[in-house]
């Protein structure tokens, strides 16, 4: 594993990254939807699970019959409702509805850069830490599977891919992070790689800062 961020990926390490945020360059900001399509606000939860074997990232696989992104790997989340009031509220509400994870079990840590989807959503990724034990009850209409991916997989740049496909005569590029039988790609992979960028710029700064020196968040 080549990333400096992988030195100690535990819960305290993760909290520290968001308590002392540094500027970072997102790997991807998203697609450009049709000019006639107004952007709709949405939010997802990026849930870290604090396991004895190391931090895990909780993901879902959407059911095959859904209209948007059927069968794809995603974070729990969805569009903001008028009375939500914040992206954090949206992410927690949608997570509770989709997988049954009670919002009281989630310690919110911060946000990542917004991501624009080709379907016209402006998505805010909200990062949270979940400490077991907790109960899950997936919405069978929307969620086919809930699984966890070790943070170590994300922190290894050898697992990051940039691939292409052709649609309607146009070549499109997309990010991907394969893991076992799961193929994480598209918006979810892009947001994960933005997370990687955030975590690694923090780790690099920590390595360059003497332990006795005060931490400066530029």
Protein backbone atom coordinates (compact mmCIF):
# COMPACT_ATOMS: atom_id res chain seq x y z
CA UNK A 1 0.00 0.00 0.00
CA UNK A 2 1.68 3.21 -1.16
CA UNK A 3 -0.53 5.87 0.42
CA UNK A 4 0.69 7.74 3.50
CA UNK A 5 -2.91 7.89 4.69
CA UNK A 6 -2.85 4.17 5.39
CA UNK A 7 -0.44 4.50 8.33
CA UNK A 8 -3.13 4.35 11.01
CA UNK A 9 -6.66 4.24 9.59
CA UNK A 10 -8.60 4.08 12.87
CA UNK A 11 -11.54 6.11 14.22
CA UNK A 12 -9.38 8.73 15.94
CA UNK A 13 -7.31 9.15 12.78
CA UNK A 14 -10.49 9.71 10.76
CA UNK A 15 -11.94 12.21 13.25
CA UNK A 16 -8.68 14.13 13.17
CA UNK A 17 -8.84 14.49 9.39
CA UNK A 18 -12.18 16.31 9.64
CA UNK A 19 -11.39 18.26 12.80
CA UNK A 20 -8.37 19.84 11.07
CA UNK A 21 -9.40 20.03 7.39
CA UNK A 22 -6.95 21.16 4.74
CA UNK A 23 -7.73 22.36 1.20
CA UNK A 24 -7.67 19.55 -1.34
CA UNK A 25 -8.24 19.17 -5.05
CA UNK A 26 -11.21 16.91 -5.85
CA UNK A 27 -10.51 14.16 -8.35
CA UNK A 28 -13.91 14.72 -9.96
CA UNK A 29 -16.70 17.28 -9.68
CA UNK A 30 -19.15 15.41 -11.86
CA UNK A 31 -20.98 15.49 -15.16
CA UNK A 32 -22.56 18.38 -16.98
CA UNK A 33 -26.28 17.72 -17.38
CA UNK A 34 -28.38 19.23 -20.12
CA UNK A 35 -28.54 23.03 -20.01
CA UNK A 36 -32.33 22.72 -19.79
CA UNK A 37 -32.06 20.60 -16.64
CA UNK A 38 -31.99 22.47 -13.34
CA UNK A 39 -29.78 20.98 -10.68
CA UNK A 40 -31.68 19.34 -7.83
CA UNK A 41 -30.06 19.16 -4.39
CA UNK A 42 -29.38 15.74 -2.92
CA UNK A 43 -27.19 14.25 -0.21
CA UNK A 44 -25.62 10.89 0.56
CA UNK A 45 -24.09 9.49 3.71
CA UNK A 46 -20.56 8.12 3.49
CA UNK A 47 -20.76 5.78 6.50
CA UNK A 48 -17.53 4.55 8.10
CA UNK A 49 -17.97 1.52 10.35
CA UNK A 50 -15.46 1.18 13.20
CA UNK A 51 -14.59 -2.54 13.16
CA UNK A 52 -11.86 -4.27 15.23
CA UNK A 53 -10.08 -5.21 11.98
CA UNK A 54 -10.11 -1.60 10.75
CA UNK A 55 -12.41 1.05 9.33
CA UNK A 56 -14.92 -0.12 6.72
CA UNK A 57 -17.02 1.91 4.27
CA UNK A 58 -20.66 0.82 4.11
CA UNK A 59 -22.23 0.69 0.64
CA UNK A 60 -25.42 -0.59 -0.94
CA UNK A 61 -26.30 -2.27 -4.22
CA UNK A 62 -29.47 -0.86 -5.74
CA UNK A 63 -32.21 -3.17 -6.96
CA UNK A 64 -32.36 -3.99 -10.66
CA UNK A 65 -35.81 -2.49 -11.32
CA UNK A 66 -35.12 1.09 -10.22
CA UNK A 67 -35.39 3.84 -12.83
CA UNK A 68 -32.06 5.53 -12.01
CA UNK A 69 -28.76 3.65 -11.59
CA UNK A 70 -30.39 0.23 -11.31
CA UNK A 71 -28.10 -2.45 -9.91
CA UNK A 72 -25.26 -0.01 -9.22
CA UNK A 73 -23.23 0.40 -6.06
CA UNK A 74 -24.14 3.53 -4.13
CA UNK A 75 -24.13 5.33 -0.81
CA UNK A 76 -27.43 5.59 1.05
CA UNK A 77 -29.04 8.92 0.26
CA UNK A 78 -31.38 10.80 -2.02
CA UNK A 79 -32.92 14.13 -2.94
CA UNK A 80 -33.36 16.90 -0.38
CA UNK A 81 -36.91 17.60 0.79
CA UNK A 82 -38.05 21.19 1.45
CA UNK A 83 -38.33 20.66 5.20
CA UNK A 84 -34.96 18.89 5.62
CA UNK A 85 -33.10 22.11 6.28
CA UNK A 86 -29.60 20.74 5.64
CA UNK A 87 -27.67 18.13 3.66
CA UNK A 88 -26.89 16.36 6.93
CA UNK A 89 -30.58 15.95 7.71
CA UNK A 90 -31.23 14.65 4.19
CA UNK A 91 -28.39 12.12 4.38
CA UNK A 92 -29.48 10.81 7.79
CA UNK A 93 -33.16 10.65 6.84
CA UNK A 94 -32.53 8.84 3.56
CA UNK A 95 -30.12 6.41 5.24
CA UNK A 96 -32.70 5.59 7.87
CA UNK A 97 -35.35 5.02 5.19
CA UNK A 98 -33.12 2.96 2.87
CA UNK A 99 -31.18 0.71 5.24
CA UNK A 100 -32.74 1.25 8.66
CA UNK A 101 -29.64 2.75 10.29
CA UNK A 102 -30.87 5.00 13.11
CA UNK A 103 -29.49 8.52 12.86
CA UNK A 104 -28.58 8.41 16.55
CA UNK A 105 -25.94 5.79 15.67
CA UNK A 106 -24.11 8.16 13.30
CA UNK A 107 -21.47 10.65 14.45
CA UNK A 108 -21.26 13.29 11.74
CA UNK A 109 -17.70 14.30 10.82
CA UNK A 110 -18.00 16.67 7.87
CA UNK A 111 -18.65 17.08 4.16
CA UNK A 112 -16.79 16.38 0.94
CA UNK A 113 -16.96 18.35 -2.31
CA UNK A 114 -20.28 18.42 -4.12
CA UNK A 115 -20.69 16.10 -7.09
CA UNK A 116 -22.93 16.76 -10.13
CA UNK A 117 -24.59 13.69 -11.63
CA UNK A 118 -25.52 13.30 -15.27
CA UNK A 119 -29.16 13.00 -14.14
CA UNK A 120 -29.05 16.55 -12.81
CA UNK A 121 -28.46 16.16 -9.06
CA UNK A 122 -26.04 18.27 -7.03
CA UNK A 123 -24.97 15.73 -4.42
CA UNK A 124 -23.39 16.62 -1.08
CA UNK A 125 -21.48 13.70 0.47
CA UNK A 126 -21.79 13.77 4.28
CA UNK A 127 -19.26 11.67 6.18
CA UNK A 128 -20.26 9.86 9.36
CA UNK A 129 -18.79 7.34 11.78
CA UNK A 130 -20.85 4.37 12.97
CA UNK A 131 -19.81 2.28 15.97
CA UNK A 132 -21.22 -1.27 16.26
CA UNK A 133 -23.45 -2.82 17.33
CA UNK A 134 -26.25 -1.46 15.15
CA UNK A 135 -29.27 -2.88 13.37
CA UNK A 136 -30.04 -2.60 9.65
CA UNK A 137 -33.36 -3.11 7.89
CA UNK A 138 -32.98 -2.51 4.12
CA UNK A 139 -35.87 -1.23 2.04
CA UNK A 140 -36.38 -4.25 -0.23
CA UNK A 141 -37.75 -2.10 -3.05
CA UNK A 142 -34.58 0.01 -3.30
CA UNK A 143 -31.76 -2.00 -1.73
CA UNK A 144 -30.65 -5.41 -2.99
CA UNK A 145 -27.57 -5.71 -0.76
CA UNK A 146 -25.65 -3.95 2.00
CA UNK A 147 -21.92 -4.62 2.30
CA UNK A 148 -18.70 -3.12 3.61
CA UNK A 149 -15.40 -2.36 1.89
CA UNK A 150 -12.20 -1.93 3.95
CA UNK A 151 -10.87 1.61 3.95
CA UNK A 152 -7.50 0.05 3.12
CA UNK A 153 -8.88 -0.83 -0.34
CA UNK A 154 -9.62 2.85 -1.04
CA UNK A 155 -6.28 3.99 0.35
CA UNK A 156 -4.35 1.77 -2.07
CA UNK A 157 -4.02 3.73 -5.36
CA UNK A 158 -3.40 0.45 -7.21
CA UNK A 159 -7.15 -0.16 -6.85
CA UNK A 160 -8.12 3.07 -8.65
CA UNK A 161 -9.14 2.81 -12.29
CA UNK A 162 -10.08 5.26 -15.06
CA UNK A 163 -11.98 3.47 -17.80
CA UNK A 164 -14.04 4.35 -20.87
CA UNK A 165 -17.23 3.26 -22.56
CA UNK A 166 -19.12 4.36 -25.67
CA UNK A 167 -22.74 5.50 -25.49
CA UNK A 168 -24.75 7.11 -28.30
CA UNK A 169 -21.61 7.33 -30.36
CA UNK A 170 -19.72 9.25 -27.68
CA UNK A 171 -16.79 8.03 -25.62
CA UNK A 172 -17.16 8.67 -21.90
CA UNK A 173 -14.62 8.20 -19.14
CA UNK A 174 -15.46 7.08 -15.63
CA UNK A 175 -13.79 6.18 -12.36
CA UNK A 176 -13.92 2.67 -10.93
CA UNK A 177 -12.77 0.77 -7.84
CA UNK A 178 -13.28 -2.98 -8.25
CA UNK A 179 -13.41 -5.01 -5.05
CA UNK A 180 -14.09 -8.73 -5.09
CA UNK A 181 -17.40 -9.39 -6.81
CA UNK A 182 -18.41 -5.73 -6.56
CA UNK A 183 -17.63 -3.18 -9.26
CA UNK A 184 -17.85 0.31 -7.79
CA UNK A 185 -17.97 2.89 -10.57
CA UNK A 186 -19.46 6.18 -11.72
CA UNK A 187 -20.54 8.79 -9.16
CA UNK A 188 -19.89 6.54 -6.16
CA UNK A 189 -16.34 5.77 -7.24
CA UNK A 190 -15.71 9.44 -8.03
CA UNK A 191 -16.87 10.52 -4.57
CA UNK A 192 -14.73 7.81 -2.99
CA UNK A 193 -11.72 9.09 -4.90
CA UNK A 194 -12.49 12.62 -3.69
CA UNK A 195 -12.46 11.13 -0.20
CA UNK A 196 -9.09 9.55 -0.97
CA UNK A 197 -7.76 12.94 -2.09
CA UNK A 198 -9.04 14.56 1.11
CA UNK A 199 -7.53 11.91 3.37
CA UNK A 200 -4.16 11.71 1.66
CA UNK A 201 -3.54 15.46 1.54
CA UNK A 202 -4.21 15.46 5.27
CA UNK A 203 -1.84 12.57 5.92
CA UNK A 204 0.92 14.15 3.83
CA UNK A 205 0.58 17.38 5.79
CA UNK A 206 0.72 15.49 9.08
CA UNK A 207 3.92 13.73 8.04
CA UNK A 208 5.55 17.09 7.23
CA UNK A 209 4.43 18.76 10.49
CA UNK A 210 6.69 18.26 13.54
CA UNK A 211 4.82 16.64 16.41
CA UNK A 212 5.62 19.55 18.75
CA UNK A 213 4.49 22.23 16.32
CA UNK A 214 0.94 23.63 16.33
CA UNK A 215 -1.25 22.40 13.46
CA UNK A 216 -2.14 25.11 10.96
CA UNK A 217 -5.21 24.65 8.72
CA UNK A 218 -4.39 26.71 5.67
